[in-house]
Amino acid sequence: MPAAIERHEIIGQAPDGGQFPNNTYVIGDESEVLVVDPAHDADAVRAAVDGRKVGGILVTHGHWDHIGPLAELAANWSVTPRINAADAFLLHETHPDLEFADLPDGEALTIAGTRVEALHTPGHTPGSTSLVVRDLTTVLTGDTLFPGGPGTTRFDYSSFPTIIASIRERLVPLGADFSVLPGHGLPTTIGTEEPQIDEWEKRGW
């Protein structure tokens, strides 16, 4: 049996004091897992893992809301977190002394007999990386693709043309039947979102 992917919505506090929900994903079986984007609350992430062996922590991009308890959990589980090196500057804004290992395009890890492949999808951040689980016809897109549009590109290091290219050239070819698990909110599919890309490009966000 292939691994399963569990979505855990974890609520943190936004800079304005409001609630800020993030998705943390757990990929694996009843024995071993990978944790993707441990958000906000170390205890909530540990509860999601539920005592299983953690084979690694993967980070889709370096924004604070996806990595809040990363240093604590990495030490707790004795693992070195993986993130595309182009986002090291963002990672170190939150965790200045944390050691990490690069997660380059095409890198593949196996958990519970299931392959998880890194797919570089820049635009939201320079190192934004989606995680492709072909056995489950699923891609975890971080903040690159959501229901109804791409992630924000309001930052100086972001690029709207780049994120559109990432969606068109890297995500769409996965196939219309691929489920999309974003960094916030509910899932969608490539087939649902692909017809809207021209509209997004025209509106410019």
N, C-alpha and C. Protein backbone atom coordinates (compact mmCIF):
# COMPACT_ATOMS: atom_id res chain seq x y z
N MET A 1 0.84 -1.20 0.00
CA MET A 1 0.00 0.00 0.00
C MET A 1 0.88 1.25 0.00
N PRO A 2 0.54 2.25 -0.85
CA PRO A 2 1.30 3.49 -0.81
C PRO A 2 1.01 4.27 0.46
N ALA A 3 1.85 5.24 0.71
CA ALA A 3 1.61 6.12 1.84
C ALA A 3 0.34 6.94 1.62
N ALA A 4 -0.14 7.56 2.66
CA ALA A 4 -1.24 8.50 2.59
C ALA A 4 -0.72 9.90 2.91
N ILE A 5 -1.50 10.89 2.54
CA ILE A 5 -1.16 12.28 2.87
C ILE A 5 -2.26 12.84 3.75
N GLU A 6 -1.88 13.30 4.93
CA GLU A 6 -2.83 13.88 5.89
C GLU A 6 -2.66 15.40 5.90
N ARG A 7 -3.78 16.12 5.83
CA ARG A 7 -3.76 17.58 5.95
C ARG A 7 -4.18 17.97 7.36
N HIS A 8 -3.35 18.77 8.02
CA HIS A 8 -3.65 19.25 9.36
C HIS A 8 -3.62 20.79 9.33
N GLU A 9 -4.77 21.39 9.56
CA GLU A 9 -4.82 22.85 9.61
C GLU A 9 -4.41 23.30 11.01
N ILE A 10 -3.37 24.13 11.05
CA ILE A 10 -2.83 24.61 12.32
C ILE A 10 -2.98 26.12 12.35
N ILE A 11 -3.55 26.63 13.42
CA ILE A 11 -3.87 28.06 13.52
C ILE A 11 -2.77 28.78 14.27
N GLY A 12 -2.26 29.83 13.66
CA GLY A 12 -1.30 30.70 14.32
C GLY A 12 -1.84 32.11 14.41
N GLN A 13 -0.98 33.00 14.87
CA GLN A 13 -1.38 34.41 15.02
C GLN A 13 -0.73 35.24 13.93
N ALA A 14 -1.54 35.98 13.21
CA ALA A 14 -1.06 36.87 12.17
C ALA A 14 -0.41 38.10 12.79
N PRO A 15 0.42 38.82 12.03
CA PRO A 15 1.04 40.05 12.56
C PRO A 15 0.02 41.07 13.07
N ASP A 16 -1.20 41.07 12.49
CA ASP A 16 -2.22 42.02 12.95
C ASP A 16 -3.00 41.50 14.15
N GLY A 17 -2.62 40.32 14.65
CA GLY A 17 -3.26 39.76 15.83
C GLY A 17 -4.39 38.79 15.53
N GLY A 18 -4.79 38.69 14.26
CA GLY A 18 -5.86 37.77 13.90
C GLY A 18 -5.37 36.35 13.73
N GLN A 19 -6.29 35.45 13.41
CA GLN A 19 -5.93 34.07 13.19
C GLN A 19 -5.28 33.89 11.82
N PHE A 20 -4.34 32.95 11.76
CA PHE A 20 -3.60 32.71 10.52
C PHE A 20 -3.47 31.21 10.33
N PRO A 21 -4.39 30.58 9.59
CA PRO A 21 -4.34 29.12 9.43
C PRO A 21 -3.37 28.68 8.34
N ASN A 22 -2.62 27.66 8.61
CA ASN A 22 -1.69 27.03 7.66
C ASN A 22 -1.97 25.54 7.59
N ASN A 23 -1.66 24.95 6.45
CA ASN A 23 -1.71 23.50 6.31
C ASN A 23 -0.32 22.91 6.57
N THR A 24 -0.26 21.98 7.49
CA THR A 24 0.91 21.11 7.66
C THR A 24 0.49 19.73 7.16
N TYR A 25 1.35 19.13 6.35
CA TYR A 25 1.04 17.82 5.78
C TYR A 25 1.95 16.76 6.36
N VAL A 26 1.38 15.59 6.55
CA VAL A 26 2.12 14.43 7.03
C VAL A 26 1.96 13.34 5.96
N ILE A 27 3.09 12.91 5.40
CA ILE A 27 3.08 11.89 4.35
C ILE A 27 3.69 10.61 4.92
N GLY A 28 2.96 9.51 4.84
CA GLY A 28 3.53 8.26 5.32
C GLY A 28 2.47 7.24 5.66
N ASP A 29 2.85 6.31 6.53
CA ASP A 29 1.92 5.26 6.95
C ASP A 29 1.84 5.25 8.47
N GLU A 30 1.43 4.14 9.04
CA GLU A 30 1.26 4.09 10.49
C GLU A 30 2.59 4.02 11.24
N SER A 31 3.71 3.85 10.50
CA SER A 31 5.01 3.69 11.15
C SER A 31 5.95 4.87 10.96
N GLU A 32 6.01 5.42 9.74
CA GLU A 32 6.99 6.46 9.44
C GLU A 32 6.38 7.52 8.53
N VAL A 33 6.87 8.76 8.71
CA VAL A 33 6.29 9.89 7.98
C VAL A 33 7.35 10.91 7.62
N LEU A 34 7.01 11.72 6.62
CA LEU A 34 7.66 13.00 6.37
C LEU A 34 6.70 14.09 6.80
N VAL A 35 7.24 15.15 7.37
CA VAL A 35 6.44 16.30 7.76
C VAL A 35 6.74 17.44 6.79
N VAL A 36 5.70 18.06 6.25
CA VAL A 36 5.84 19.14 5.29
C VAL A 36 5.28 20.43 5.89
N ASP A 37 6.11 21.46 5.94
CA ASP A 37 5.72 22.80 6.41
C ASP A 37 5.16 22.79 7.84
N PRO A 38 5.98 22.49 8.83
CA PRO A 38 5.51 22.51 10.22
C PRO A 38 5.19 23.94 10.65
N ALA A 39 3.92 24.22 10.87
CA ALA A 39 3.47 25.59 11.06
C ALA A 39 3.12 25.89 12.52
N HIS A 40 3.51 27.06 12.97
CA HIS A 40 3.00 27.75 14.15
C HIS A 40 3.23 27.08 15.51
N ASP A 41 2.80 25.83 15.68
CA ASP A 41 2.65 25.25 17.01
C ASP A 41 3.30 23.88 17.05
N ALA A 42 4.42 23.76 17.75
CA ALA A 42 5.15 22.49 17.81
C ALA A 42 4.29 21.37 18.37
N ASP A 43 3.50 21.66 19.40
CA ASP A 43 2.67 20.62 20.00
C ASP A 43 1.63 20.11 19.01
N ALA A 44 1.05 21.01 18.22
CA ALA A 44 0.04 20.60 17.24
C ALA A 44 0.67 19.74 16.15
N VAL A 45 1.88 20.07 15.74
CA VAL A 45 2.57 19.27 14.73
C VAL A 45 2.92 17.90 15.29
N ARG A 46 3.41 17.87 16.53
CA ARG A 46 3.70 16.58 17.16
C ARG A 46 2.44 15.72 17.28
N ALA A 47 1.32 16.36 17.59
CA ALA A 47 0.06 15.61 17.70
C ALA A 47 -0.32 15.01 16.34
N ALA A 48 -0.04 15.74 15.26
CA ALA A 48 -0.33 15.23 13.92
C ALA A 48 0.54 14.02 13.60
N VAL A 49 1.77 14.04 14.05
CA VAL A 49 2.69 12.92 13.82
C VAL A 49 2.28 11.72 14.65
N ASP A 50 1.77 11.96 15.84
CA ASP A 50 1.18 10.93 16.68
C ASP A 50 2.15 9.78 16.98
N GLY A 51 3.38 10.14 17.33
CA GLY A 51 4.34 9.15 17.79
C GLY A 51 5.05 8.36 16.71
N ARG A 52 4.74 8.61 15.44
CA ARG A 52 5.40 7.88 14.36
C ARG A 52 6.83 8.37 14.15
N LYS A 53 7.65 7.54 13.55
CA LYS A 53 9.02 7.93 13.25
C LYS A 53 9.01 8.99 12.15
N VAL A 54 9.74 10.08 12.38
CA VAL A 54 9.83 11.16 11.40
C VAL A 54 11.11 10.97 10.59
N GLY A 55 10.94 10.68 9.31
CA GLY A 55 12.08 10.46 8.44
C GLY A 55 12.65 11.72 7.85
N GLY A 56 11.96 12.85 8.00
CA GLY A 56 12.46 14.11 7.48
C GLY A 56 11.42 15.20 7.58
N ILE A 57 11.89 16.44 7.48
CA ILE A 57 11.02 17.61 7.42
C ILE A 57 11.32 18.33 6.11
N LEU A 58 10.30 18.53 5.28
CA LEU A 58 10.44 19.23 4.02
C LEU A 58 9.70 20.56 4.11
N VAL A 59 10.32 21.61 3.56
CA VAL A 59 9.76 22.96 3.63
C VAL A 59 9.56 23.46 2.20
N THR A 60 8.33 23.85 1.87
CA THR A 60 8.05 24.30 0.50
C THR A 60 8.65 25.67 0.21
N HIS A 61 8.76 26.51 1.23
CA HIS A 61 9.41 27.82 1.07
C HIS A 61 9.66 28.40 2.45
N GLY A 62 10.43 29.48 2.50
CA GLY A 62 10.98 29.91 3.78
C GLY A 62 10.19 30.91 4.58
N HIS A 63 8.93 31.15 4.26
CA HIS A 63 8.17 32.15 5.01
C HIS A 63 7.86 31.70 6.43
N TRP A 64 7.83 32.66 7.33
CA TRP A 64 7.72 32.43 8.76
C TRP A 64 6.56 31.53 9.15
N ASP A 65 5.42 31.67 8.44
CA ASP A 65 4.23 30.95 8.86
C ASP A 65 4.30 29.46 8.53
N HIS A 66 5.25 29.05 7.72
CA HIS A 66 5.42 27.63 7.37
C HIS A 66 6.51 26.94 8.20
N ILE A 67 7.22 27.72 9.00
CA ILE A 67 8.41 27.16 9.67
C ILE A 67 8.54 27.57 11.12
N GLY A 68 7.47 28.06 11.73
CA GLY A 68 7.59 28.61 13.09
C GLY A 68 8.33 27.73 14.07
N PRO A 69 7.91 26.45 14.27
CA PRO A 69 8.57 25.59 15.24
C PRO A 69 9.64 24.69 14.62
N LEU A 70 10.15 25.06 13.46
CA LEU A 70 11.04 24.16 12.72
C LEU A 70 12.27 23.77 13.51
N ALA A 71 12.93 24.73 14.14
CA ALA A 71 14.16 24.41 14.87
C ALA A 71 13.89 23.46 16.03
N GLU A 72 12.82 23.72 16.76
CA GLU A 72 12.47 22.86 17.90
C GLU A 72 12.17 21.44 17.43
N LEU A 73 11.41 21.31 16.37
CA LEU A 73 11.03 19.98 15.90
C LEU A 73 12.20 19.24 15.27
N ALA A 74 13.05 19.95 14.54
CA ALA A 74 14.22 19.31 13.96
C ALA A 74 15.11 18.72 15.05
N ALA A 75 15.28 19.47 16.13
CA ALA A 75 16.08 18.97 17.26
C ALA A 75 15.37 17.81 17.94
N ASN A 76 14.07 17.94 18.12
CA ASN A 76 13.26 16.92 18.77
C ASN A 76 13.37 15.57 18.04
N TRP A 77 13.33 15.63 16.70
CA TRP A 77 13.32 14.41 15.90
C TRP A 77 14.69 14.05 15.33
N SER A 78 15.70 14.85 15.65
CA SER A 78 17.08 14.59 15.18
C SER A 78 17.15 14.46 13.67
N VAL A 79 16.52 15.41 12.97
CA VAL A 79 16.57 15.44 11.51
C VAL A 79 17.03 16.83 11.06
N THR A 80 17.63 16.87 9.89
CA THR A 80 18.03 18.13 9.27
C THR A 80 16.96 18.55 8.28
N PRO A 81 16.32 19.68 8.47
CA PRO A 81 15.25 20.08 7.55
C PRO A 81 15.79 20.33 6.14
N ARG A 82 14.93 20.10 5.16
CA ARG A 82 15.28 20.28 3.76
C ARG A 82 14.48 21.43 3.18
N ILE A 83 15.18 22.35 2.50
CA ILE A 83 14.54 23.49 1.83
C ILE A 83 15.43 23.90 0.67
N ASN A 84 14.84 24.36 -0.41
CA ASN A 84 15.65 24.83 -1.52
C ASN A 84 16.54 25.97 -1.05
N ALA A 85 17.82 25.88 -1.39
CA ALA A 85 18.82 26.83 -0.87
C ALA A 85 18.54 28.27 -1.27
N ALA A 86 17.78 28.48 -2.33
CA ALA A 86 17.45 29.85 -2.74
C ALA A 86 16.59 30.57 -1.71
N ASP A 87 15.96 29.82 -0.80
CA ASP A 87 15.15 30.43 0.26
C ASP A 87 15.86 30.45 1.61
N ALA A 88 17.15 30.21 1.61
CA ALA A 88 17.90 30.22 2.88
C ALA A 88 17.80 31.58 3.58
N PHE A 89 17.78 32.65 2.81
CA PHE A 89 17.72 33.99 3.42
C PHE A 89 16.42 34.18 4.19
N LEU A 90 15.33 33.59 3.73
CA LEU A 90 14.05 33.68 4.43
C LEU A 90 14.04 32.76 5.65
N LEU A 91 14.54 31.55 5.49
CA LEU A 91 14.63 30.63 6.62
C LEU A 91 15.40 31.26 7.77
N HIS A 92 16.50 31.92 7.45
CA HIS A 92 17.36 32.47 8.49
C HIS A 92 16.83 33.76 9.09
N GLU A 93 15.80 34.36 8.49
CA GLU A 93 15.13 35.48 9.16
C GLU A 93 14.43 35.00 10.43
N THR A 94 13.88 33.79 10.37
CA THR A 94 13.16 33.22 11.51
C THR A 94 14.06 32.37 12.39
N HIS A 95 14.97 31.63 11.77
CA HIS A 95 15.86 30.70 12.48
C HIS A 95 17.30 30.96 12.03
N PRO A 96 17.92 32.02 12.55
CA PRO A 96 19.22 32.45 12.01
C PRO A 96 20.33 31.43 12.11
N ASP A 97 20.27 30.54 13.06
CA ASP A 97 21.37 29.59 13.27
C ASP A 97 21.02 28.17 12.85
N LEU A 98 19.88 27.97 12.25
CA LEU A 98 19.43 26.62 11.95
C LEU A 98 20.17 26.06 10.73
N GLU A 99 20.73 24.88 10.88
CA GLU A 99 21.34 24.20 9.76
C GLU A 99 20.27 23.48 8.95
N PHE A 100 20.44 23.50 7.63
CA PHE A 100 19.48 22.84 6.76
C PHE A 100 20.25 22.15 5.64
N ALA A 101 19.57 21.29 4.92
CA ALA A 101 20.12 20.67 3.71
C ALA A 101 19.31 21.15 2.52
N ASP A 102 19.99 21.36 1.41
CA ASP A 102 19.34 21.83 0.19
C ASP A 102 18.30 20.80 -0.27
N LEU A 103 17.22 21.31 -0.88
CA LEU A 103 16.20 20.47 -1.51
C LEU A 103 16.11 20.90 -2.97
N PRO A 104 17.03 20.45 -3.81
CA PRO A 104 17.09 20.93 -5.19
C PRO A 104 16.02 20.31 -6.07
N ASP A 105 15.79 20.94 -7.19
CA ASP A 105 14.85 20.43 -8.17
C ASP A 105 15.23 19.00 -8.57
N GLY A 106 14.25 18.13 -8.57
CA GLY A 106 14.47 16.74 -8.96
C GLY A 106 14.88 15.80 -7.85
N GLU A 107 15.20 16.36 -6.68
CA GLU A 107 15.55 15.51 -5.54
C GLU A 107 14.35 14.64 -5.16
N ALA A 108 14.61 13.38 -4.87
CA ALA A 108 13.52 12.46 -4.51
C ALA A 108 13.83 11.79 -3.19
N LEU A 109 12.83 11.69 -2.35
CA LEU A 109 12.91 10.97 -1.09
C LEU A 109 11.85 9.89 -1.09
N THR A 110 12.09 8.84 -0.33
CA THR A 110 11.12 7.76 -0.23
C THR A 110 10.71 7.59 1.22
N ILE A 111 9.39 7.53 1.43
CA ILE A 111 8.86 7.29 2.77
C ILE A 111 7.74 6.26 2.64
N ALA A 112 7.77 5.27 3.49
CA ALA A 112 6.75 4.23 3.50
C ALA A 112 6.56 3.65 2.09
N GLY A 113 7.66 3.50 1.36
CA GLY A 113 7.63 2.92 0.03
C GLY A 113 7.12 3.84 -1.06
N THR A 114 6.93 5.13 -0.74
CA THR A 114 6.37 6.08 -1.69
C THR A 114 7.37 7.20 -1.96
N ARG A 115 7.53 7.54 -3.23
CA ARG A 115 8.50 8.54 -3.67
C ARG A 115 7.88 9.94 -3.60
N VAL A 116 8.64 10.87 -3.04
CA VAL A 116 8.24 12.27 -2.95
C VAL A 116 9.32 13.08 -3.68
N GLU A 117 8.94 13.77 -4.75
CA GLU A 117 9.89 14.44 -5.64
C GLU A 117 9.78 15.96 -5.52
N ALA A 118 10.92 16.63 -5.40
CA ALA A 118 10.95 18.09 -5.34
C ALA A 118 10.86 18.66 -6.75
N LEU A 119 9.96 19.63 -6.92
CA LEU A 119 9.74 20.29 -8.20
C LEU A 119 9.84 21.80 -7.96
N HIS A 120 10.92 22.41 -8.43
CA HIS A 120 11.16 23.83 -8.18
C HIS A 120 10.10 24.64 -8.93
N THR A 121 9.33 25.43 -8.17
CA THR A 121 8.25 26.25 -8.75
C THR A 121 8.36 27.68 -8.21
N PRO A 122 9.40 28.40 -8.61
CA PRO A 122 9.63 29.74 -8.06
C PRO A 122 8.59 30.75 -8.51
N GLY A 123 8.62 31.90 -7.85
CA GLY A 123 7.72 33.00 -8.16
C GLY A 123 7.23 33.65 -6.88
N HIS A 124 6.60 32.87 -6.01
CA HIS A 124 6.20 33.38 -4.69
C HIS A 124 7.45 33.73 -3.90
N THR A 125 8.40 32.82 -3.90
CA THR A 125 9.75 33.05 -3.39
C THR A 125 10.72 32.42 -4.38
N PRO A 126 12.01 32.80 -4.33
CA PRO A 126 12.96 32.24 -5.29
C PRO A 126 13.12 30.72 -5.19
N GLY A 127 12.97 30.18 -3.98
CA GLY A 127 13.18 28.75 -3.80
C GLY A 127 11.92 27.93 -3.66
N SER A 128 10.76 28.53 -3.90
CA SER A 128 9.50 27.79 -3.72
C SER A 128 9.55 26.45 -4.45
N THR A 129 9.14 25.41 -3.74
CA THR A 129 9.25 24.04 -4.24
C THR A 129 7.96 23.29 -3.97
N SER A 130 7.41 22.69 -5.02
CA SER A 130 6.26 21.81 -4.87
C SER A 130 6.77 20.38 -4.67
N LEU A 131 5.94 19.55 -4.09
CA LEU A 131 6.32 18.17 -3.78
C LEU A 131 5.35 17.23 -4.49
N VAL A 132 5.88 16.44 -5.40
CA VAL A 132 5.06 15.59 -6.25
C VAL A 132 5.05 14.17 -5.68
N VAL A 133 3.86 13.64 -5.47
CA VAL A 133 3.70 12.27 -5.00
C VAL A 133 2.92 11.53 -6.09
N ARG A 134 3.65 10.99 -7.05
CA ARG A 134 3.00 10.41 -8.24
C ARG A 134 2.15 9.19 -7.88
N ASP A 135 2.59 8.42 -6.89
CA ASP A 135 1.80 7.24 -6.50
C ASP A 135 0.40 7.60 -6.05
N LEU A 136 0.23 8.84 -5.56
CA LEU A 136 -1.05 9.30 -5.06
C LEU A 136 -1.68 10.36 -5.96
N THR A 137 -1.07 10.60 -7.13
CA THR A 137 -1.56 11.59 -8.10
C THR A 137 -1.83 12.92 -7.40
N THR A 138 -0.83 13.37 -6.65
CA THR A 138 -0.99 14.54 -5.80
C THR A 138 0.27 15.39 -5.84
N VAL A 139 0.07 16.71 -5.79
CA VAL A 139 1.19 17.63 -5.65
C VAL A 139 0.88 18.61 -4.52
N LEU A 140 1.85 18.79 -3.64
CA LEU A 140 1.76 19.77 -2.56
C LEU A 140 2.44 21.04 -3.07
N THR A 141 1.68 22.12 -3.19
CA THR A 141 2.17 23.30 -3.90
C THR A 141 2.63 24.44 -3.01
N GLY A 142 2.61 24.28 -1.70
CA GLY A 142 3.01 25.40 -0.85
C GLY A 142 2.15 26.61 -1.17
N ASP A 143 2.79 27.77 -1.40
CA ASP A 143 2.04 28.98 -1.75
C ASP A 143 2.19 29.34 -3.22
N THR A 144 2.42 28.33 -4.07
CA THR A 144 2.52 28.56 -5.51
C THR A 144 1.16 28.55 -6.18
N LEU A 145 0.30 27.58 -5.84
CA LEU A 145 -1.00 27.46 -6.50
C LEU A 145 -2.08 27.14 -5.47
N PHE A 146 -3.17 27.92 -5.55
CA PHE A 146 -4.33 27.77 -4.69
C PHE A 146 -5.59 27.61 -5.54
N PRO A 147 -6.70 27.20 -4.94
CA PRO A 147 -7.97 27.29 -5.67
C PRO A 147 -8.22 28.75 -6.07
N GLY A 148 -8.29 29.00 -7.37
CA GLY A 148 -8.61 30.35 -7.83
C GLY A 148 -7.43 31.22 -8.16
N GLY A 149 -6.20 30.72 -8.04
CA GLY A 149 -5.09 31.57 -8.44
C GLY A 149 -3.76 31.23 -7.83
N PRO A 150 -2.73 31.96 -8.27
CA PRO A 150 -1.39 31.76 -7.73
C PRO A 150 -1.21 32.46 -6.39
N GLY A 151 -0.14 32.10 -5.70
CA GLY A 151 0.21 32.79 -4.46
C GLY A 151 0.63 34.22 -4.73
N THR A 152 0.70 35.00 -3.66
CA THR A 152 1.04 36.41 -3.80
C THR A 152 2.46 36.61 -4.31
N THR A 153 2.64 37.67 -5.08
CA THR A 153 3.99 38.04 -5.55
C THR A 153 4.27 39.51 -5.20
N ARG A 154 3.81 39.93 -4.02
CA ARG A 154 3.95 41.33 -3.62
C ARG A 154 5.33 41.65 -3.05
N PHE A 155 6.15 40.63 -2.78
CA PHE A 155 7.44 40.87 -2.16
C PHE A 155 8.48 41.28 -3.21
N ASP A 156 9.52 41.98 -2.77
CA ASP A 156 10.56 42.44 -3.70
C ASP A 156 11.24 41.28 -4.42
N TYR A 157 11.32 40.14 -3.76
CA TYR A 157 12.01 38.98 -4.33
C TYR A 157 11.05 38.07 -5.11
N SER A 158 9.77 38.44 -5.19
CA SER A 158 8.77 37.64 -5.90
C SER A 158 8.67 38.07 -7.35
N SER A 159 8.00 37.24 -8.17
CA SER A 159 7.81 37.57 -9.58
C SER A 159 6.52 36.94 -10.08
N PHE A 160 5.59 37.79 -10.51
CA PHE A 160 4.34 37.26 -11.06
C PHE A 160 4.56 36.49 -12.36
N PRO A 161 5.33 37.01 -13.34
CA PRO A 161 5.57 36.20 -14.54
C PRO A 161 6.22 34.85 -14.23
N THR A 162 7.08 34.82 -13.21
CA THR A 162 7.75 33.57 -12.85
C THR A 162 6.78 32.57 -12.25
N ILE A 163 5.88 33.03 -11.38
CA ILE A 163 4.93 32.09 -10.77
C ILE A 163 3.96 31.55 -11.81
N ILE A 164 3.55 32.39 -12.75
CA ILE A 164 2.68 31.92 -13.84
C ILE A 164 3.40 30.87 -14.68
N ALA A 165 4.67 31.13 -14.97
CA ALA A 165 5.46 30.16 -15.74
C ALA A 165 5.61 28.85 -14.97
N SER A 166 5.81 28.94 -13.64
CA SER A 166 5.91 27.73 -12.83
C SER A 166 4.64 26.90 -12.92
N ILE A 167 3.49 27.57 -12.87
CA ILE A 167 2.22 26.86 -12.93
C ILE A 167 2.02 26.24 -14.32
N ARG A 168 2.25 27.04 -15.37
CA ARG A 168 2.04 26.56 -16.74
C ARG A 168 3.01 25.43 -17.10
N GLU A 169 4.29 25.65 -16.80
CA GLU A 169 5.34 24.80 -17.34
C GLU A 169 5.74 23.65 -16.43
N ARG A 170 5.44 23.75 -15.15
CA ARG A 170 5.88 22.74 -14.21
C ARG A 170 4.72 21.97 -13.59
N LEU A 171 3.64 22.67 -13.24
CA LEU A 171 2.51 22.00 -12.57
C LEU A 171 1.50 21.44 -13.56
N VAL A 172 1.09 22.22 -14.55
CA VAL A 172 0.08 21.75 -15.50
C VAL A 172 0.49 20.44 -16.18
N PRO A 173 1.77 20.27 -16.58
CA PRO A 173 2.14 19.02 -17.24
C PRO A 173 1.99 17.77 -16.35
N LEU A 174 1.82 17.94 -15.05
CA LEU A 174 1.59 16.78 -14.20
C LEU A 174 0.31 16.06 -14.60
N GLY A 175 -0.69 16.80 -15.08
CA GLY A 175 -1.93 16.19 -15.53
C GLY A 175 -3.14 16.73 -14.80
N ALA A 176 -4.25 16.79 -15.51
CA ALA A 176 -5.48 17.38 -14.98
C ALA A 176 -6.00 16.64 -13.76
N ASP A 177 -5.69 15.36 -13.65
CA ASP A 177 -6.24 14.57 -12.55
C ASP A 177 -5.45 14.71 -11.26
N PHE A 178 -4.34 15.45 -11.28
CA PHE A 178 -3.55 15.61 -10.07
C PHE A 178 -4.29 16.47 -9.05
N SER A 179 -4.37 15.97 -7.82
CA SER A 179 -4.86 16.78 -6.71
C SER A 179 -3.81 17.80 -6.31
N VAL A 180 -4.25 18.99 -5.96
CA VAL A 180 -3.38 20.08 -5.51
C VAL A 180 -3.66 20.33 -4.04
N LEU A 181 -2.63 20.17 -3.21
CA LEU A 181 -2.74 20.45 -1.78
C LEU A 181 -1.94 21.71 -1.48
N PRO A 182 -2.60 22.85 -1.25
CA PRO A 182 -1.90 24.11 -1.07
C PRO A 182 -1.48 24.35 0.38
N GLY A 183 -0.70 25.41 0.57
CA GLY A 183 -0.18 25.74 1.89
C GLY A 183 -1.23 26.31 2.83
N HIS A 184 -2.33 26.78 2.28
CA HIS A 184 -3.45 27.32 3.07
C HIS A 184 -4.73 26.89 2.36
N GLY A 185 -5.75 26.60 3.13
CA GLY A 185 -7.05 26.34 2.55
C GLY A 185 -7.23 24.94 2.02
N LEU A 186 -8.27 24.77 1.21
CA LEU A 186 -8.72 23.46 0.77
C LEU A 186 -8.06 23.01 -0.52
N PRO A 187 -8.10 21.72 -0.79
CA PRO A 187 -7.50 21.20 -2.03
C PRO A 187 -8.26 21.61 -3.28
N THR A 188 -7.58 21.44 -4.42
CA THR A 188 -8.20 21.61 -5.73
C THR A 188 -7.54 20.58 -6.65
N THR A 189 -7.68 20.77 -7.95
CA THR A 189 -7.00 19.90 -8.91
C THR A 189 -6.37 20.75 -10.00
N ILE A 190 -5.39 20.17 -10.68
CA ILE A 190 -4.79 20.85 -11.83
C ILE A 190 -5.86 21.12 -12.88
N GLY A 191 -6.73 20.15 -13.13
CA GLY A 191 -7.77 20.31 -14.14
C GLY A 191 -8.74 21.44 -13.83
N THR A 192 -9.01 21.68 -12.57
CA THR A 192 -9.89 22.78 -12.18
C THR A 192 -9.24 24.13 -12.41
N GLU A 193 -7.95 24.23 -12.12
CA GLU A 193 -7.27 25.52 -12.14
C GLU A 193 -6.70 25.88 -13.52
N GLU A 194 -6.29 24.91 -14.30
CA GLU A 194 -5.59 25.20 -15.56
C GLU A 194 -6.38 26.11 -16.51
N PRO A 195 -7.70 25.94 -16.66
CA PRO A 195 -8.43 26.81 -17.59
C PRO A 195 -8.45 28.28 -17.19
N GLN A 196 -8.09 28.59 -15.95
CA GLN A 196 -8.16 29.97 -15.47
C GLN A 196 -6.85 30.73 -15.62
N ILE A 197 -5.80 30.07 -16.07
CA ILE A 197 -4.47 30.71 -16.05
C ILE A 197 -4.44 31.96 -16.92
N ASP A 198 -5.04 31.92 -18.10
CA ASP A 198 -5.05 33.11 -18.96
C ASP A 198 -5.73 34.29 -18.25
N GLU A 199 -6.80 34.01 -17.53
CA GLU A 199 -7.50 35.06 -16.78
C GLU A 199 -6.62 35.64 -15.69
N TRP A 200 -5.93 34.78 -14.96
CA TRP A 200 -5.01 35.26 -13.92
C TRP A 200 -3.94 36.15 -14.52
N GLU A 201 -3.41 35.71 -15.66
CA GLU A 201 -2.34 36.47 -16.29
C GLU A 201 -2.83 37.85 -16.72
N LYS A 202 -4.04 37.93 -17.22
CA LYS A 202 -4.60 39.21 -17.64
C LYS A 202 -4.84 40.14 -16.45
N ARG A 203 -5.32 39.57 -15.35
CA ARG A 203 -5.61 40.43 -14.19
C ARG A 203 -4.32 40.86 -13.48
N GLY A 204 -3.26 40.07 -13.63
CA GLY A 204 -1.94 40.46 -13.10
C GLY A 204 -1.68 40.08 -11.66
N TRP A 205 -2.48 39.17 -11.11
CA TRP A 205 -2.24 38.71 -9.73
C TRP A 205 -2.88 37.36 -9.53
